[in-house]
Amino acid sequence: MEHETHSRKGKAAEYLQGIIVLVVLGVFTAIEYVIGTADDIPLFSSTLIPLTLIAVVKAGVIINYYMHISHMWNPEDEVDEGHAE
């Protein structure tokens, strides 16, 4: 019974994290659009630098969350779903 409750809370936390990541990526995309369509950007002579920085941040979020790259360095954190306790 305790395992089922923990599993449900884990799923809810994963869904919440997924929604947060989706919102963050959406906000970054909106910022990219604004920068890309702006005529003049303060602090920068071109849109190349800010758009590149945003693209690198978005790539990092996607690699970490959707591609689970962090599991390569923490394999003991992975849950073996094939074995029920």
Protein backbone atom coordinates (compact mmCIF):
# COMPACT_ATOMS: atom_id res chain seq x y z
CA MET A 1 0.00 0.00 0.00
CA GLU A 2 2.81 2.43 0.88
CA HIS A 3 4.54 1.66 -2.42
CA GLU A 4 1.35 2.55 -4.37
CA THR A 5 1.00 5.91 -2.57
CA HIS A 6 4.66 6.73 -3.19
CA SER A 7 4.28 5.72 -6.84
CA ARG A 8 1.26 8.01 -7.33
CA LYS A 9 3.06 10.96 -5.74
CA GLY A 10 6.06 10.25 -7.95
CA LYS A 11 3.90 10.27 -11.07
CA ALA A 12 2.21 13.52 -10.04
CA ALA A 13 5.61 15.13 -9.46
CA GLU A 14 6.82 13.93 -12.86
CA TYR A 15 3.74 15.37 -14.59
CA LEU A 16 4.18 18.68 -12.78
CA GLN A 17 7.84 18.80 -13.75
CA GLY A 18 6.90 18.05 -17.36
CA ILE A 19 4.38 20.90 -17.38
CA ILE A 20 6.95 23.28 -15.88
CA VAL A 21 9.51 22.30 -18.53
CA LEU A 22 6.91 22.81 -21.26
CA VAL A 23 6.04 26.27 -19.94
CA VAL A 24 9.72 27.25 -19.62
CA LEU A 25 10.41 26.16 -23.21
CA GLY A 26 7.34 28.07 -24.37
CA VAL A 27 8.50 31.24 -22.60
CA PHE A 28 11.97 30.94 -24.12
CA THR A 29 10.40 30.45 -27.57
CA ALA A 30 8.28 33.58 -27.11
CA ILE A 31 11.39 35.52 -26.06
CA GLU A 32 13.19 34.21 -29.15
CA TYR A 33 10.33 35.44 -31.33
CA VAL A 34 10.38 38.90 -29.75
CA ILE A 35 14.15 39.17 -30.14
CA GLY A 36 14.03 37.85 -33.70
CA THR A 37 11.40 40.34 -34.80
CA ALA A 38 12.84 43.35 -32.94
CA ASP A 39 14.46 46.09 -34.99
CA ASP A 40 16.88 47.23 -32.30
CA ILE A 41 18.02 45.32 -29.23
CA PRO A 42 19.69 47.16 -26.34
CA LEU A 43 23.19 45.92 -25.40
CA PHE A 44 23.61 43.92 -28.62
CA SER A 45 24.38 45.06 -32.15
CA SER A 46 22.94 41.85 -33.58
CA THR A 47 20.37 39.25 -32.54
CA LEU A 48 22.89 36.45 -33.03
CA ILE A 49 24.30 36.43 -29.49
CA PRO A 50 21.02 36.49 -27.50
CA LEU A 51 19.34 33.99 -29.83
CA THR A 52 22.33 31.66 -29.57
CA LEU A 53 22.33 31.88 -25.77
CA ILE A 54 18.62 31.09 -25.62
CA ALA A 55 19.07 28.18 -28.04
CA VAL A 56 21.85 26.72 -25.86
CA VAL A 57 19.70 27.00 -22.72
CA LYS A 58 16.73 25.38 -24.47
CA ALA A 59 18.96 22.58 -25.79
CA GLY A 60 20.25 21.97 -22.27
CA VAL A 61 16.73 21.73 -20.87
CA ILE A 62 15.64 19.35 -23.63
CA ILE A 63 18.71 17.15 -23.28
CA ASN A 64 18.40 16.97 -19.51
CA TYR A 65 14.65 16.47 -19.22
CA TYR A 66 13.53 14.69 -22.39
CA MET A 67 16.70 12.76 -23.21
CA HIS A 68 17.50 11.93 -19.55
CA ILE A 69 21.22 12.56 -20.00
CA SER A 70 21.65 12.88 -16.22
CA HIS A 71 20.97 9.13 -15.91
CA MET A 72 24.28 8.46 -17.66
CA TRP A 73 26.13 9.75 -14.59
CA ASN A 74 23.65 8.48 -11.96
CA PRO A 75 22.61 5.00 -13.12
CA GLU A 76 21.75 3.94 -9.55
CA ASP A 77 18.93 6.50 -9.54
CA GLU A 78 17.10 4.66 -12.31
CA VAL A 79 14.06 2.68 -11.31
CA ASP A 80 13.78 -0.84 -12.66
CA GLU A 81 10.09 -1.00 -13.54
CA GLY A 82 10.30 -4.67 -14.46
CA HIS A 83 10.72 -5.75 -10.83
CA ALA A 84 7.87 -5.01 -8.44
CA GLU A 85 8.59 -5.08 -4.72
